Amino acid sequence: MKKIEWLIVILLITMGLGCLTVSATTMWGTESFETYLTTFLQLCLWMGLPILILGIVYLLFLKKRKNNKK
């Protein structure tokens, strides 16, 4: 992918997380910046942790597969 395509993907993901955070913050009724930031960090953690775990498993799978070929 080209750099501009990566930029568009990152922008869309960030906008989606922002919209999700705003809707979650207003749903709970407390519309402060601290609540927004806390909700945003929790969303990033819950989305990033499975991606990190799957990435590590994938890299271990590739390493094992590479060692079996030799």
Protein backbone atom coordinates (compact mmCIF):
# COMPACT_ATOMS: atom_id res chain seq x y z
CA MET A 1 0.00 0.00 0.00
CA LYS A 2 1.10 3.53 -0.69
CA LYS A 3 1.68 6.06 2.08
CA ILE A 4 -1.47 8.00 1.22
CA GLU A 5 -3.55 4.83 1.53
CA TRP A 6 -2.09 4.15 4.97
CA LEU A 7 -2.86 7.73 5.95
CA ILE A 8 -6.48 7.34 4.85
CA VAL A 9 -6.82 4.06 6.77
CA ILE A 10 -5.37 5.57 9.95
CA LEU A 11 -7.63 8.63 9.58
CA LEU A 12 -10.76 6.50 9.16
CA ILE A 13 -9.88 4.31 12.16
CA THR A 14 -9.23 7.37 14.31
CA MET A 15 -12.51 8.98 13.24
CA GLY A 16 -14.38 5.76 14.00
CA LEU A 17 -12.82 5.51 17.46
CA GLY A 18 -13.66 9.16 18.10
CA CYS A 19 -17.30 8.66 17.13
CA LEU A 20 -17.54 5.51 19.22
CA THR A 21 -16.04 7.32 22.20
CA VAL A 22 -18.39 10.29 21.86
CA SER A 23 -21.45 8.06 21.69
CA ALA A 24 -20.29 6.01 24.69
CA THR A 25 -19.52 9.14 26.72
CA THR A 26 -22.88 10.77 26.02
CA MET A 27 -24.72 7.51 26.70
CA TRP A 28 -23.44 7.49 30.27
CA GLY A 29 -24.58 11.08 30.76
CA THR A 30 -21.30 12.56 31.95
CA GLU A 31 -19.94 14.76 29.20
CA SER A 32 -16.57 15.84 30.54
CA PHE A 33 -13.17 15.67 28.84
CA GLU A 34 -11.86 13.37 31.58
CA THR A 35 -14.65 10.86 30.93
CA TYR A 36 -14.06 11.13 27.18
CA LEU A 37 -10.33 10.47 27.59
CA THR A 38 -10.90 7.55 29.97
CA THR A 39 -13.42 5.97 27.59
CA PHE A 40 -11.08 6.50 24.61
CA LEU A 41 -8.16 4.84 26.40
CA GLN A 42 -10.34 1.91 27.46
CA LEU A 43 -11.56 1.43 23.88
CA CYS A 44 -8.00 1.52 22.55
CA LEU A 45 -6.91 -1.01 25.17
CA TRP A 46 -9.76 -3.41 24.42
CA MET A 47 -9.14 -3.14 20.68
CA GLY A 48 -5.36 -3.18 20.83
CA LEU A 49 -4.87 -6.07 23.22
CA PRO A 50 -6.44 -8.77 20.98
CA ILE A 51 -4.60 -7.37 17.95
CA LEU A 52 -1.31 -7.52 19.86
CA ILE A 53 -1.94 -11.09 21.02
CA LEU A 54 -2.91 -12.24 17.51
CA GLY A 55 0.16 -10.49 16.08
CA ILE A 56 2.47 -12.30 18.51
CA VAL A 57 0.84 -15.66 17.75
CA TYR A 58 1.17 -14.98 14.01
CA LEU A 59 4.85 -14.09 14.33
CA LEU A 60 5.51 -17.23 16.39
CA PHE A 61 3.69 -19.28 13.74
CA LEU A 62 5.83 -17.76 10.98
CA LYS A 63 9.03 -18.38 12.95
CA LYS A 64 8.08 -22.02 13.58
CA ARG A 65 7.16 -22.50 9.93
CA LYS A 66 10.48 -20.97 8.80
CA ASN A 67 12.45 -23.27 11.13
CA ASN A 68 10.62 -26.35 9.77
CA LYS A 69 11.63 -25.52 6.19
CA LYS A 70 15.34 -25.54 7.02
